[in-house]
Protein backbone atom coordinates (compact mmCIF):
# COMPACT_ATOMS: atom_id res chain seq x y z
CA MET A 1 -3.82 68.03 15.47
CA LEU A 2 -5.70 64.75 15.02
CA PHE A 3 -7.36 63.68 11.79
CA ARG A 4 -9.74 60.94 10.74
CA SER A 5 -6.71 59.02 9.52
CA ASP A 6 -5.40 58.87 13.10
CA VAL A 7 -8.30 57.75 15.28
CA ALA A 8 -11.96 56.92 14.73
CA GLN A 9 -15.05 55.60 16.45
CA MET A 10 -15.82 52.17 15.04
CA GLY A 11 -18.71 49.82 15.62
CA ASN A 12 -17.50 46.50 16.97
CA THR A 13 -18.96 44.55 14.03
CA TRP A 14 -16.51 46.38 11.73
CA LEU A 15 -13.38 45.44 13.65
CA PRO A 16 -12.77 42.03 11.99
CA GLU A 17 -13.02 43.50 8.49
CA MET A 18 -10.75 46.42 9.25
CA THR A 19 -8.26 44.06 10.90
CA ALA A 20 -8.31 41.82 7.82
CA LEU A 21 -7.47 44.87 5.72
CA GLY A 22 -4.50 45.60 7.96
CA ALA A 23 -5.85 49.05 8.79
CA LEU A 24 -5.76 49.01 12.61
CA GLU A 25 -2.88 49.53 15.01
CA PRO A 26 -2.56 46.80 17.71
CA LEU A 27 -3.02 48.44 21.10
CA ASP A 28 -1.29 45.90 23.35
CA ALA A 29 1.88 47.95 23.86
CA TRP A 30 -0.13 51.10 24.58
CA LEU A 31 -2.30 49.24 27.09
CA ALA A 32 0.74 47.78 28.83
CA ARG A 33 1.99 51.24 29.76
CA THR A 34 -1.41 52.69 30.70
CA PRO A 35 -2.38 51.26 34.12
CA SER A 36 -5.42 53.56 34.33
CA ILE A 37 -7.17 51.28 31.82
CA ASP A 38 -7.93 48.38 34.13
CA ARG A 39 -8.62 45.18 32.20
CA SER A 40 -10.74 43.81 35.05
CA ASP A 41 -12.98 46.91 34.83
CA GLN A 42 -14.20 45.87 31.37
CA PHE A 43 -17.16 43.69 30.40
CA GLU A 44 -15.71 40.39 29.24
CA GLY A 45 -17.95 39.94 26.20
CA ILE A 46 -17.36 43.45 24.91
CA TRP A 47 -13.61 43.24 25.48
CA ALA A 48 -13.60 40.02 23.45
CA THR A 49 -15.16 41.81 20.47
CA ASN A 50 -12.11 44.09 20.46
CA ARG A 51 -9.66 41.19 20.42
CA MET A 52 -8.62 39.95 16.98
CA GLY A 53 -6.44 36.90 17.33
CA GLU A 54 -3.65 37.76 19.75
CA HIS A 55 -4.14 41.51 19.63
CA THR A 56 -6.45 44.16 21.05
CA VAL A 57 -7.42 46.58 18.26
CA GLY A 58 -10.11 48.69 19.91
CA LEU A 59 -10.75 50.25 23.31
CA PRO A 60 -14.39 49.86 24.47
CA TRP A 61 -16.13 53.22 24.72
CA TYR A 62 -19.79 52.35 25.06
CA VAL A 63 -21.61 49.04 25.15
CA ASP A 64 -24.98 47.92 23.92
CA THR A 65 -27.14 44.94 23.20
CA ARG A 66 -30.48 44.58 21.47
CA LEU A 67 -33.44 44.67 23.86
CA LEU A 68 -37.17 45.26 23.80
CA PHE A 69 -38.66 48.73 24.07
CA VAL A 70 -42.18 48.14 25.34
CA ARG A 71 -45.37 50.15 25.69
CA GLN A 72 -46.28 48.54 29.00
CA ASP A 73 -49.55 50.49 29.18
CA LEU A 74 -50.74 48.83 25.96
CA LEU A 75 -49.76 45.41 27.30
CA ALA A 76 -51.68 46.10 30.51
CA SER A 77 -54.77 47.04 28.47
CA VAL A 78 -54.93 43.46 27.10
CA GLY A 79 -54.23 41.77 30.43
CA PHE A 80 -50.42 41.49 30.44
CA GLY A 81 -49.09 43.07 33.60
CA GLU A 82 -45.52 41.99 32.85
CA VAL A 83 -43.44 41.78 29.70
CA PRO A 84 -43.42 38.18 28.40
CA GLN A 85 -40.14 36.35 28.92
CA ASP A 86 -40.45 33.48 26.43
CA TRP A 87 -41.54 33.08 22.84
CA ASP A 88 -44.89 31.47 23.65
CA GLY A 89 -45.87 34.27 26.01
CA TRP A 90 -44.65 36.89 23.55
CA VAL A 91 -46.77 35.41 20.77
CA ARG A 92 -49.84 35.28 23.02
CA CYS A 93 -49.30 38.91 23.97
CA MET A 94 -48.92 40.01 20.34
CA ALA A 95 -52.05 38.07 19.40
CA ALA A 96 -54.01 39.90 22.11
CA LEU A 97 -52.61 43.26 21.03
CA LYS A 98 -53.43 42.60 17.37
CA ALA A 99 -56.99 41.67 18.29
CA GLY A 100 -57.25 44.85 20.34
CA PRO A 101 -55.51 48.22 20.25
CA VAL A 102 -52.45 47.57 18.03
CA ALA A 103 -52.80 46.27 14.46
CA THR A 104 -49.08 45.44 14.11
CA PRO A 105 -47.65 44.97 17.64
CA LEU A 106 -43.96 44.62 16.69
CA LEU A 107 -41.74 46.90 14.63
CA LEU A 108 -39.18 44.55 13.07
CA PRO A 109 -37.56 46.30 10.09
CA THR A 110 -36.66 43.80 7.39
CA ASN A 111 -33.33 45.48 6.62
CA GLU A 112 -31.93 45.00 10.14
CA PHE A 113 -30.03 41.75 10.66
CA GLU A 114 -29.49 42.14 14.41
CA PRO A 115 -32.88 40.83 15.65
CA LEU A 116 -32.57 37.61 13.63
CA LEU A 117 -28.98 37.19 14.80
CA ALA A 118 -30.08 37.61 18.43
CA LEU A 119 -32.80 34.97 17.99
CA ALA A 120 -30.21 32.65 16.46
CA LEU A 121 -27.85 33.17 19.40
CA GLN A 122 -30.61 31.94 21.71
CA GLN A 123 -30.52 28.48 20.15
CA ASP A 124 -28.61 25.37 21.14
CA GLY A 125 -25.67 24.51 18.93
CA GLU A 126 -23.06 26.62 17.18
CA LEU A 127 -23.94 29.62 15.05
CA LEU A 128 -20.68 29.28 13.08
CA ARG A 129 -18.98 26.30 11.45
CA GLU A 130 -15.54 25.35 10.18
CA GLY A 131 -13.67 27.27 12.82
CA GLY A 132 -15.85 30.35 12.54
CA ARG A 133 -15.34 30.84 8.81
CA PHE A 134 -18.98 30.31 7.81
CA GLY A 135 -22.45 30.69 9.26
CA ASN A 136 -24.19 27.47 10.24
CA PHE A 137 -27.38 28.54 8.49
CA SER A 138 -28.50 25.00 7.69
CA GLY A 139 -28.16 23.89 11.31
CA PRO A 140 -31.28 23.15 13.39
CA GLY A 141 -30.71 26.11 15.73
CA PHE A 142 -30.64 28.77 13.03
CA GLN A 143 -33.51 27.11 11.18
CA ASN A 144 -35.63 27.24 14.35
CA ALA A 145 -34.83 30.94 14.83
CA LEU A 146 -35.61 31.68 11.18
CA ARG A 147 -38.97 29.89 11.37
CA PHE A 148 -39.96 31.91 14.42
CA TYR A 149 -38.73 35.16 12.83
CA TYR A 150 -40.69 34.48 9.63
CA SER A 151 -43.84 33.59 11.59
CA LEU A 152 -43.94 37.08 13.10
CA PHE A 153 -44.52 38.51 9.63
CA GLU A 154 -46.71 35.64 8.46
CA ARG A 155 -49.12 36.14 11.37
CA GLY A 156 -49.24 39.87 10.81
CA TYR A 157 -47.58 40.77 14.11
CA ALA A 158 -44.84 42.73 12.31
CA PRO A 159 -45.26 44.77 9.10
CA SER A 160 -42.99 43.89 6.17
CA ILE A 161 -41.27 47.25 5.99
CA THR A 162 -37.76 48.64 6.33
CA HIS A 163 -36.75 51.26 8.86
CA ASN A 164 -36.62 53.77 5.99
CA GLN A 165 -40.40 53.49 5.75
CA VAL A 166 -40.92 54.71 9.32
CA ALA A 167 -40.58 58.49 9.25
CA ASN A 168 -40.26 58.92 13.03
CA VAL A 169 -39.94 55.78 15.14
CA TRP A 170 -40.26 57.71 18.42
CA GLN A 171 -43.45 59.45 17.33
CA GLU A 172 -45.02 56.20 16.11
CA PHE A 173 -44.07 54.45 19.35
CA GLY A 174 -45.77 57.27 21.25
CA ARG A 175 -48.86 56.99 19.06
CA GLY A 176 -49.15 53.27 19.84
CA THR A 177 -48.58 52.21 16.23
CA PHE A 178 -46.56 49.35 17.71
CA ALA A 179 -46.03 48.08 21.26
CA PHE A 180 -42.66 46.33 20.85
CA TYR A 181 -39.49 47.62 19.20
CA ILE A 182 -36.11 45.86 19.20
CA SER A 183 -33.32 48.40 19.49
CA GLY A 184 -30.29 49.31 21.58
CA PRO A 185 -29.70 51.33 24.76
CA TRP A 186 -28.80 54.45 22.78
CA ASN A 187 -32.54 54.87 22.24
CA ILE A 188 -33.24 55.10 25.98
CA GLY A 189 -32.07 58.70 25.93
CA GLU A 190 -33.95 59.39 22.71
CA PHE A 191 -37.27 58.10 24.08
CA LYS A 192 -36.77 60.07 27.28
CA ARG A 193 -36.22 63.23 25.26
CA ARG A 194 -38.72 62.75 22.46
CA LEU A 195 -41.79 61.26 24.15
CA PRO A 196 -44.10 63.65 26.00
CA ALA A 197 -44.04 63.73 29.80
CA GLY A 198 -47.40 61.97 29.95
CA LEU A 199 -45.94 58.86 28.30
CA GLN A 200 -42.74 58.56 30.32
CA SER A 201 -44.31 56.05 32.70
CA ALA A 202 -45.98 54.17 29.83
CA TRP A 203 -42.86 52.52 28.41
CA THR A 204 -40.02 50.37 29.65
CA THR A 205 -37.27 48.10 28.38
CA ALA A 206 -36.90 44.35 28.84
CA PRO A 207 -34.60 41.50 27.80
CA LEU A 208 -35.47 39.75 24.56
CA PRO A 209 -37.77 36.77 25.11
CA GLY A 210 -36.11 33.44 24.41
CA PRO A 211 -37.42 29.99 23.53
CA ARG A 212 -37.68 28.97 27.19
CA GLY A 213 -37.26 32.24 29.12
CA PRO A 214 -35.23 35.45 28.88
CA GLY A 215 -32.98 34.99 25.87
CA ALA A 216 -29.49 35.94 24.82
CA SER A 217 -28.83 38.95 22.65
CA ILE A 218 -25.89 40.31 20.70
CA ALA A 219 -22.95 42.11 22.27
CA GLY A 220 -22.41 45.41 20.53
CA GLY A 221 -21.08 48.86 21.06
CA SER A 222 -18.44 51.15 19.69
CA SER A 223 -14.73 51.57 20.27
CA PRO A 224 -12.10 54.13 19.40
CA VAL A 225 -9.45 52.63 17.13
CA MET A 226 -6.05 53.88 15.99
CA PHE A 227 -5.11 53.53 12.36
CA LYS A 228 -1.84 51.81 11.55
CA ARG A 229 -0.77 54.67 9.23
CA SER A 230 -1.43 57.37 11.81
CA ARG A 231 1.33 59.94 12.13
CA HIS A 232 0.10 61.07 15.55
CA LYS A 233 -0.18 57.85 17.52
CA SER A 234 0.77 59.32 20.89
CA GLU A 235 -1.88 62.03 20.55
CA ALA A 236 -4.43 59.47 19.32
CA TRP A 237 -3.77 57.27 22.34
CA ARG A 238 -4.17 60.22 24.71
CA LEU A 239 -7.65 60.82 23.26
CA MET A 240 -8.54 57.13 23.49
CA GLU A 241 -7.39 56.95 27.11
CA TYR A 242 -9.42 60.06 27.92
CA LEU A 243 -12.59 58.58 26.39
CA SER A 244 -12.00 55.44 28.43
CA ARG A 245 -12.18 57.23 31.79
CA PRO A 246 -15.25 56.25 33.86
CA GLN A 247 -16.32 59.83 34.55
CA VAL A 248 -16.10 60.70 30.82
CA GLN A 249 -18.18 57.67 29.92
CA GLN A 250 -20.77 58.68 32.51
CA THR A 251 -21.05 62.14 30.97
CA PHE A 252 -21.41 60.56 27.54
CA TYR A 253 -24.26 58.43 28.94
CA GLN A 254 -25.97 61.52 30.32
CA LEU A 255 -25.75 63.27 26.97
CA THR A 256 -26.74 60.37 24.72
CA GLY A 257 -28.04 57.39 26.70
CA ASN A 258 -25.18 55.19 25.45
CA LEU A 259 -24.05 52.82 28.20
CA PRO A 260 -20.50 52.98 29.65
CA ALA A 261 -18.01 50.23 28.87
CA ARG A 262 -16.25 50.55 32.25
CA ARG A 263 -17.89 48.57 35.04
CA SER A 264 -16.95 51.16 37.66
CA ALA A 265 -18.87 53.84 35.76
CA TRP A 266 -22.09 52.00 36.60
CA GLN A 267 -21.53 52.38 40.35
CA ARG A 268 -19.98 55.83 40.70
CA PRO A 269 -22.25 58.78 41.62
CA MET A 270 -23.29 60.63 38.50
CA PRO A 271 -21.48 63.94 37.95
CA SER A 272 -23.64 67.04 37.71
CA THR A 273 -23.11 68.35 34.19
CA GLY A 274 -25.83 70.97 34.09
CA ALA A 275 -27.10 69.32 30.92
CA GLY A 276 -30.46 68.47 32.41
CA ALA A 277 -29.96 64.74 31.95
CA PRO A 278 -31.79 62.38 34.32
CA HIS A 279 -30.26 60.78 37.40
CA ASP A 280 -27.55 63.43 37.88
CA ALA A 281 -26.72 62.28 41.40
CA ALA A 282 -27.55 58.57 41.21
CA PRO A 283 -25.43 55.59 40.14
CA LEU A 284 -26.25 54.43 36.63
CA ALA A 285 -27.13 50.98 37.93
CA GLN A 286 -30.21 52.47 39.63
CA ASP A 287 -31.78 53.41 36.28
CA PRO A 288 -34.19 50.53 35.51
CA ARG A 289 -34.12 51.34 31.80
CA ALA A 290 -30.32 51.26 31.50
């Protein structure tokens, strides 16, 4: 029997802290004797988030990045047939929306650090200094990102609220309370389930706009980890290997909308699970909102 002290799902941003505490079991020896987990079948950026120094401490399960959820029908109503790709176009679009159908075009909760981090990653120069020990917050790149971020509130494009002050983000998106929302792919499934059928063609997703075109975003996701003090490491690894299988990750995508970490899962025909999820027989790569 497995317990929480054996294996857990852990967001990739927690891996450095848990490694520093000495809590996680290095997985290199387990990986070496498990050829079914093909290193080349992993996304390089996500795999790197699971590497701490010389060791792999997590096994990618699902991947995500922050992107724009967009009410494309509202954009079209103010003359924008396509989602803006750079900051200038994004600002012009939000100005037109604010002057028209949407008082606050962008939901940008003030207690979420990820959007500001993504804007900072879009800048020239290093985000970290002194060998990665400290943030380069006084550098020109971060300062430029922070100025742009602050201007979105200053101009009234985003309300100064936390996500706790939005009772139902999916309902408010459907109502047109905002036209842009920065979130992750896990919400693709939620919007498909929660928005009425009449609005399913009204929204889409898009890359984050950048200073001079489509911009970078953060590499996130979640990974199973094994705890160093586990008394059931063989059983824990069997579960981790199972969750890593492409067909299992596809089923997880169908159930939740979370995107598979295995590259091959994006190309394989979708299994029919009977769960009523979309695209049962199509490769994941054909879903424009994935």
